[in-house]
Protein backbone atom coordinates (compact mmCIF):
# COMPACT_ATOMS: atom_id res chain seq x y z
CA MET A 1 -76.16 -31.86 44.29
CA THR A 2 -72.40 -33.24 42.65
CA PHE A 3 -69.15 -35.57 43.21
CA ARG A 4 -66.37 -35.43 41.13
CA PRO A 5 -62.79 -37.35 43.31
CA LEU A 6 -59.72 -36.34 43.37
CA HIS A 7 -56.49 -37.50 42.63
CA ASP A 8 -57.10 -42.29 42.05
CA ARG A 9 -60.30 -42.17 44.10
CA ILE A 10 -63.99 -43.79 42.33
CA LEU A 11 -66.84 -42.98 44.18
CA VAL A 12 -69.11 -46.01 43.98
CA ARG A 13 -72.51 -47.50 44.49
CA ARG A 14 -73.63 -51.22 46.15
CA ILE A 15 -75.30 -53.88 44.11
CA GLU A 16 -77.94 -55.50 47.37
CA ALA A 17 -77.63 -59.09 47.05
CA GLU A 18 -80.55 -61.10 46.57
CA GLU A 19 -82.76 -61.60 49.14
CA LYS A 20 -83.37 -65.27 49.04
CA THR A 21 -80.64 -67.66 49.30
CA ALA A 22 -80.51 -70.51 46.25
CA GLY A 23 -82.46 -72.74 48.74
CA GLY A 24 -85.65 -70.23 48.18
CA ILE A 25 -84.77 -69.44 52.07
CA ILE A 26 -85.04 -65.66 53.57
CA ILE A 27 -82.73 -63.40 54.61
CA PRO A 28 -83.25 -61.16 57.53
CA ASP A 29 -81.07 -58.02 57.29
CA THR A 30 -79.60 -58.05 60.92
CA ALA A 31 -77.75 -61.46 59.26
CA LYS A 32 -77.04 -59.99 55.76
CA GLU A 33 -72.61 -58.81 54.94
CA LYS A 34 -73.29 -56.15 53.36
CA PRO A 35 -72.43 -56.64 49.43
CA GLN A 36 -68.54 -56.01 47.91
CA GLU A 37 -69.36 -55.72 44.49
CA GLY A 38 -70.57 -52.79 43.77
CA GLU A 39 -71.99 -49.95 40.97
CA VAL A 40 -69.04 -46.81 40.02
CA ILE A 41 -70.53 -43.77 39.86
CA ALA A 42 -67.32 -41.19 38.75
CA VAL A 43 -63.76 -41.53 39.21
CA GLY A 44 -61.28 -39.13 39.81
CA PRO A 45 -58.60 -38.13 36.69
CA GLY A 46 -55.95 -40.29 38.07
CA ALA A 47 -52.75 -39.94 40.01
CA ARG A 48 -49.66 -38.85 39.61
CA ASP A 49 -46.43 -41.17 39.38
CA ASP A 50 -43.14 -40.00 40.87
CA GLY A 51 -42.11 -38.00 37.39
CA GLY A 52 -45.74 -35.66 38.01
CA LYS A 53 -47.05 -37.54 34.98
CA LEU A 54 -50.69 -37.49 34.96
CA VAL A 55 -51.71 -41.38 35.48
CA GLU A 56 -55.69 -42.74 34.42
CA LEU A 57 -57.08 -44.67 36.38
CA ASP A 58 -58.31 -48.66 34.69
CA VAL A 59 -62.10 -48.39 35.75
CA LYS A 60 -65.00 -45.50 34.25
CA ALA A 61 -68.05 -44.66 35.51
CA GLY A 62 -71.07 -47.80 35.52
CA ASP A 63 -67.86 -50.70 35.59
CA ARG A 64 -69.52 -53.45 38.28
CA ILE A 65 -66.33 -54.17 40.19
CA LEU A 66 -65.51 -55.81 42.93
CA PHE A 67 -63.46 -55.06 46.58
CA GLY A 68 -62.91 -55.69 49.90
CA LYS A 69 -65.12 -56.00 52.69
CA TRP A 70 -63.53 -53.14 54.82
CA SER A 71 -62.85 -50.60 51.28
CA GLY A 72 -63.64 -47.20 50.96
CA THR A 73 -64.97 -44.26 53.43
CA GLU A 74 -68.93 -44.57 53.68
CA ILE A 75 -70.70 -41.36 52.88
CA LYS A 76 -74.27 -40.19 52.55
CA LEU A 77 -74.44 -37.92 48.95
CA ASN A 78 -77.96 -36.31 48.21
CA GLY A 79 -79.63 -39.90 50.51
CA GLU A 80 -77.65 -42.65 49.42
CA ASP A 81 -75.14 -43.86 51.04
CA LEU A 82 -71.61 -44.97 48.38
CA LEU A 83 -68.89 -45.52 49.59
CA ILE A 84 -64.97 -43.58 48.15
CA MET A 85 -61.89 -45.46 48.25
CA LYS A 86 -58.99 -45.54 46.17
CA GLU A 87 -58.48 -47.52 42.72
CA SER A 88 -55.81 -49.59 44.44
CA ASP A 89 -58.73 -50.76 46.71
CA VAL A 90 -60.93 -52.67 43.79
CA MET A 91 -60.24 -55.59 42.45
CA GLY A 92 -61.01 -56.29 39.46
CA VAL A 93 -64.03 -55.26 36.96
CA ILE A 94 -66.93 -57.74 36.49
CA GLU A 95 -67.61 -57.72 32.74
CA SER A 96 -70.87 -59.30 30.95
CA GLU A 97 -70.42 -62.79 28.78
CA ALA A 98 -71.02 -60.33 25.28
CA SER A 99 -67.96 -57.71 25.89
CA ALA A 100 -65.70 -60.65 27.56
CA LYS A 101 -65.65 -62.21 24.10
CA LYS A 102 -64.91 -59.44 22.37
CA VAL A 103 -62.00 -58.94 23.63
CA ALA A 104 -60.95 -62.87 22.29
């Protein structure tokens, strides 16, 4: 089954946090917070402005993003836990150092 978000919504897969601290202490599942980092799986076509013109989204499939702790709606699709959220819930896109140097 495939899923296509509508309007300005995006489909996100959480990226799991490290199992250990920097000092080597293993963090149990009950003490872990939900990750606030994810990978964009699919994006909608965009939102409409007041004039009815389609405004495309800034994020695209494959982007690594940071989002708020309580952002989005959790769903299960093909046995995988995913999030659906509006683009406005995204705080930023994480870029690799190589792509950041190309922009500069």
